[in-house]
């Protein structure tokens, strides 16, 4: 018959063997990665003809695009995208896609005196989404892109309504491989042809949204 201390040792060994042999089946969750989506106008698309007048760049031009409802898809599963990484979870924003910056990176202002041209300035790049998402390889990106009017100041002021072509749904889909790594930033760069996206229709413009993915960078 085993003595009492020996029995206690045997019980402890048995418990240790059982615990070491058990697996919960729950793998540790990986840290998320960050998906950043940028949008800028194509540098070669700088003019539009309105009633026989050819526009020129100015610091006052406005073509405000509303960007919202971003989703990153892997098959039928998706991750929601937000404007930034704050806990506020802001789903959309509006950017003036015609706003320019000087070559030193300083945005132009209405009060600037120097004339703006393609040699001393460029279109601004906007971060329209920046969200934490699970790591993995995704196959498409979708979001809504809308506009209501365009405002041009040179050679004279033109303010024209803008709408989507009849039958066009607001969401846009971009099919491309997007790999998000744990703890790293993946940046999807989009480029729009702002003026070539517009077609005259009566007293307004149809916004055909010529947008392309020009790069996917793992930073």
Protein backbone atom coordinates (compact mmCIF):
# COMPACT_ATOMS: atom_id res chain seq x y z
CA UNK A 1 0.00 0.00 0.00
CA UNK A 2 1.33 3.44 -0.97
CA UNK A 3 2.15 5.87 1.74
CA UNK A 4 0.28 9.21 1.78
CA UNK A 5 3.13 11.42 0.39
CA UNK A 6 3.69 8.94 -2.42
CA UNK A 7 -0.01 9.03 -3.34
CA UNK A 8 0.09 12.83 -3.58
CA UNK A 9 3.06 12.71 -5.94
CA UNK A 10 1.30 10.18 -8.19
CA UNK A 11 -1.83 12.35 -8.37
CA UNK A 12 0.21 15.44 -9.33
CA UNK A 13 1.99 13.53 -12.08
CA UNK A 14 -1.33 12.27 -13.46
CA UNK A 15 -2.79 15.78 -13.57
CA UNK A 16 0.32 17.11 -15.32
CA UNK A 17 0.12 14.39 -17.96
CA UNK A 18 -3.58 15.16 -18.62
CA UNK A 19 -2.98 18.90 -18.90
CA UNK A 20 -0.03 18.48 -21.24
CA UNK A 21 -2.10 16.23 -23.47
CA UNK A 22 -5.05 18.63 -23.79
CA UNK A 23 -5.43 21.14 -26.67
CA UNK A 24 -8.13 23.80 -26.71
CA UNK A 25 -8.31 24.00 -30.51
CA UNK A 26 -8.24 27.82 -30.32
CA UNK A 27 -5.25 29.36 -32.07
CA UNK A 28 -3.96 32.73 -30.84
CA UNK A 29 -5.44 35.60 -32.87
CA UNK A 30 -2.90 37.42 -35.07
CA UNK A 31 -2.41 41.15 -34.75
CA UNK A 32 -4.23 43.17 -37.45
CA UNK A 33 -2.58 44.90 -40.33
CA UNK A 34 -3.42 48.37 -41.63
CA UNK A 35 -5.00 49.07 -45.01
CA UNK A 36 -4.50 52.58 -46.34
CA UNK A 37 -6.25 53.78 -49.50
CA UNK A 38 -5.09 56.94 -51.28
CA UNK A 39 -6.77 58.91 -54.05
CA UNK A 40 -5.35 61.61 -56.29
CA UNK A 41 -6.02 63.16 -59.68
CA UNK A 42 -3.95 62.24 -62.72
CA UNK A 43 -1.38 64.98 -63.33
CA UNK A 44 -2.03 65.02 -67.09
CA UNK A 45 -5.77 65.73 -66.68
CA UNK A 46 -5.90 69.48 -66.02
CA UNK A 47 -8.45 71.09 -68.35
CA UNK A 48 -12.07 70.89 -69.45
CA UNK A 49 -13.99 72.72 -72.17
CA UNK A 50 -17.13 74.46 -70.94
CA UNK A 51 -19.22 76.34 -73.48
CA UNK A 52 -16.20 76.72 -75.81
CA UNK A 53 -14.02 78.02 -72.94
CA UNK A 54 -10.97 75.95 -71.97
CA UNK A 55 -10.41 75.98 -68.23
CA UNK A 56 -7.07 76.75 -66.58
CA UNK A 57 -5.81 75.74 -63.17
CA UNK A 58 -6.70 77.99 -60.26
CA UNK A 59 -6.48 77.89 -56.47
CA UNK A 60 -10.27 78.20 -56.21
CA UNK A 61 -11.38 75.22 -58.32
CA UNK A 62 -13.59 72.68 -56.55
CA UNK A 63 -14.66 69.20 -57.48
CA UNK A 64 -15.70 67.64 -54.19
CA UNK A 65 -15.90 63.85 -54.13
CA UNK A 66 -17.74 62.03 -51.34
CA UNK A 67 -15.99 58.76 -50.49
CA UNK A 68 -17.71 56.28 -48.16
CA UNK A 69 -18.78 52.68 -47.42
CA UNK A 70 -15.38 51.12 -47.98
CA UNK A 71 -15.04 47.34 -47.85
CA UNK A 72 -12.11 44.98 -48.39
CA UNK A 73 -13.23 41.58 -49.71
CA UNK A 74 -11.84 38.05 -49.53
CA UNK A 75 -14.40 36.00 -51.39
CA UNK A 76 -17.77 36.75 -49.79
CA UNK A 77 -16.20 37.86 -46.50
CA UNK A 78 -15.24 41.48 -46.00
CA UNK A 79 -13.75 43.96 -43.56
CA UNK A 80 -15.29 47.40 -43.15
CA UNK A 81 -13.02 50.37 -43.85
CA UNK A 82 -13.01 53.70 -42.03
CA UNK A 83 -11.49 57.11 -42.69
CA UNK A 84 -8.86 56.71 -39.96
CA UNK A 85 -7.79 54.42 -37.13
CA UNK A 86 -9.61 56.31 -34.40
CA UNK A 87 -12.30 54.63 -32.31
CA UNK A 88 -14.88 57.00 -33.85
CA UNK A 89 -15.18 54.74 -36.91
CA UNK A 90 -15.97 57.50 -39.39
CA UNK A 91 -17.20 55.79 -42.55
CA UNK A 92 -16.70 58.56 -45.13
CA UNK A 93 -15.22 61.92 -46.04
CA UNK A 94 -15.26 64.53 -48.81
CA UNK A 95 -12.15 65.62 -50.72
CA UNK A 96 -11.59 68.35 -53.29
CA UNK A 97 -9.87 66.31 -55.97
CA UNK A 98 -8.79 69.48 -57.85
CA UNK A 99 -6.96 70.98 -54.87
CA UNK A 100 -3.25 71.37 -55.55
CA UNK A 101 -0.09 71.71 -53.51
CA UNK A 102 3.20 73.44 -54.21
CA UNK A 103 6.13 71.16 -55.02
CA UNK A 104 7.38 71.52 -51.43
CA UNK A 105 4.21 69.77 -50.22
CA UNK A 106 2.41 72.86 -48.88
CA UNK A 107 -1.25 73.01 -50.02
CA UNK A 108 -2.19 76.05 -52.08
CA UNK A 109 -4.41 78.66 -50.43
CA UNK A 110 -6.94 81.14 -51.78
CA UNK A 111 -4.67 83.95 -50.63
CA UNK A 112 -1.60 82.79 -52.59
CA UNK A 113 -0.37 85.34 -55.10
CA UNK A 114 1.74 83.17 -57.40
CA UNK A 115 -0.02 81.79 -60.47
CA UNK A 116 -0.60 78.04 -60.31
CA UNK A 117 0.56 75.84 -63.18
CA UNK A 118 1.67 72.28 -63.87
CA UNK A 119 5.35 73.15 -63.36
CA UNK A 120 5.14 74.65 -59.88
CA UNK A 121 2.35 72.56 -58.33
CA UNK A 122 0.67 69.15 -58.35
CA UNK A 123 -2.62 67.57 -57.33
CA UNK A 124 -2.91 66.64 -53.68
CA UNK A 125 -2.93 63.01 -52.56
CA UNK A 126 -5.68 62.14 -50.07
CA UNK A 127 -5.87 59.24 -47.64
CA UNK A 128 -9.53 58.28 -47.97
CA UNK A 129 -9.40 55.13 -45.81
CA UNK A 130 -6.99 53.88 -43.14
CA UNK A 131 -8.26 50.92 -41.11
CA UNK A 132 -7.15 47.94 -39.07
CA UNK A 133 -8.03 44.73 -40.90
CA UNK A 134 -7.22 41.04 -40.31
CA UNK A 135 -4.03 39.93 -42.08
CA UNK A 136 -4.38 37.89 -45.26
CA UNK A 137 -4.69 38.18 -49.03
CA UNK A 138 -7.81 39.94 -50.28
CA UNK A 139 -9.19 40.02 -53.82
CA UNK A 140 -11.18 43.25 -54.16
CA UNK A 141 -11.86 46.70 -52.77
CA UNK A 142 -15.21 48.50 -52.96
CA UNK A 143 -16.42 51.95 -51.95
CA UNK A 144 -18.95 54.59 -52.94
CA UNK A 145 -17.75 57.64 -54.90
CA UNK A 146 -20.20 60.49 -55.53
CA UNK A 147 -20.14 64.15 -56.62
CA UNK A 148 -22.79 66.86 -56.90
CA UNK A 149 -21.11 69.76 -58.74
CA UNK A 150 -17.91 71.15 -60.22
CA UNK A 151 -16.79 74.75 -59.81
CA UNK A 152 -14.27 76.30 -62.23
CA UNK A 153 -12.97 79.89 -61.99
CA UNK A 154 -10.67 80.52 -65.00
CA UNK A 155 -11.27 81.83 -67.67
CA UNK A 156 -14.57 82.60 -65.92
CA UNK A 157 -16.74 81.13 -63.21
CA UNK A 158 -18.66 77.98 -64.14
CA UNK A 159 -20.73 76.06 -61.62
CA UNK A 160 -22.27 72.91 -63.05
CA UNK A 161 -24.23 70.03 -61.45
CA UNK A 162 -22.69 66.56 -61.59
CA UNK A 163 -24.50 63.22 -61.43
CA UNK A 164 -23.85 59.56 -62.11
CA UNK A 165 -24.91 58.21 -65.51
CA UNK A 166 -28.42 56.71 -65.53
CA UNK A 167 -28.47 53.19 -64.14
CA UNK A 168 -25.04 53.47 -62.49
CA UNK A 169 -24.87 52.22 -58.90
CA UNK A 170 -22.88 54.33 -56.42
CA UNK A 171 -20.46 51.55 -55.26
CA UNK A 172 -17.30 50.95 -57.30
CA UNK A 173 -15.37 47.68 -57.27
CA UNK A 174 -11.64 47.23 -57.89
CA UNK A 175 -10.52 43.64 -58.41
CA UNK A 176 -6.87 43.29 -57.42
CA UNK A 177 -4.74 41.20 -55.08
CA UNK A 178 -4.17 43.03 -51.78
CA UNK A 179 -1.95 41.33 -49.20
CA UNK A 180 -2.16 42.65 -45.65
CA UNK A 181 0.62 41.59 -43.28
CA UNK A 182 0.34 41.42 -39.51
CA UNK A 183 1.41 44.70 -37.92
CA UNK A 184 2.31 46.31 -41.28
CA UNK A 185 0.78 48.89 -43.61
CA UNK A 186 -0.55 47.99 -47.06
CA UNK A 187 -1.25 51.03 -49.23
CA UNK A 188 -3.56 50.91 -52.25
CA UNK A 189 -2.99 53.90 -54.55
CA UNK A 190 -5.91 55.03 -56.72
CA UNK A 191 -5.82 57.63 -59.48
CA UNK A 192 -8.78 59.41 -61.05
CA UNK A 193 -9.12 61.35 -64.30
CA UNK A 194 -11.29 64.15 -62.90
CA UNK A 195 -12.11 66.01 -66.12
CA UNK A 196 -12.13 63.01 -68.48
CA UNK A 197 -14.67 61.43 -66.14
CA UNK A 198 -17.15 64.18 -67.06
CA UNK A 199 -19.44 64.16 -70.09
CA UNK A 200 -21.73 67.07 -70.88
CA UNK A 201 -25.41 66.20 -70.47
CA UNK A 202 -27.85 69.09 -70.98
CA UNK A 203 -27.07 71.60 -68.21
CA UNK A 204 -25.06 69.18 -66.10
CA UNK A 205 -22.25 66.63 -66.34
CA UNK A 206 -22.37 62.85 -66.13
CA UNK A 207 -19.67 61.54 -63.82
CA UNK A 208 -18.33 58.32 -65.34
CA UNK A 209 -15.68 57.89 -62.58
CA UNK A 210 -12.53 56.89 -64.44
CA UNK A 211 -10.55 55.53 -61.49
CA UNK A 212 -7.72 52.98 -61.57
CA UNK A 213 -5.48 51.16 -59.12
CA UNK A 214 -1.95 52.39 -59.93
CA UNK A 215 -0.12 50.48 -57.21
CA UNK A 216 -0.32 48.31 -54.10
CA UNK A 217 2.59 48.91 -51.72
CA UNK A 218 3.54 46.89 -48.66
CA UNK A 219 5.24 49.40 -46.38
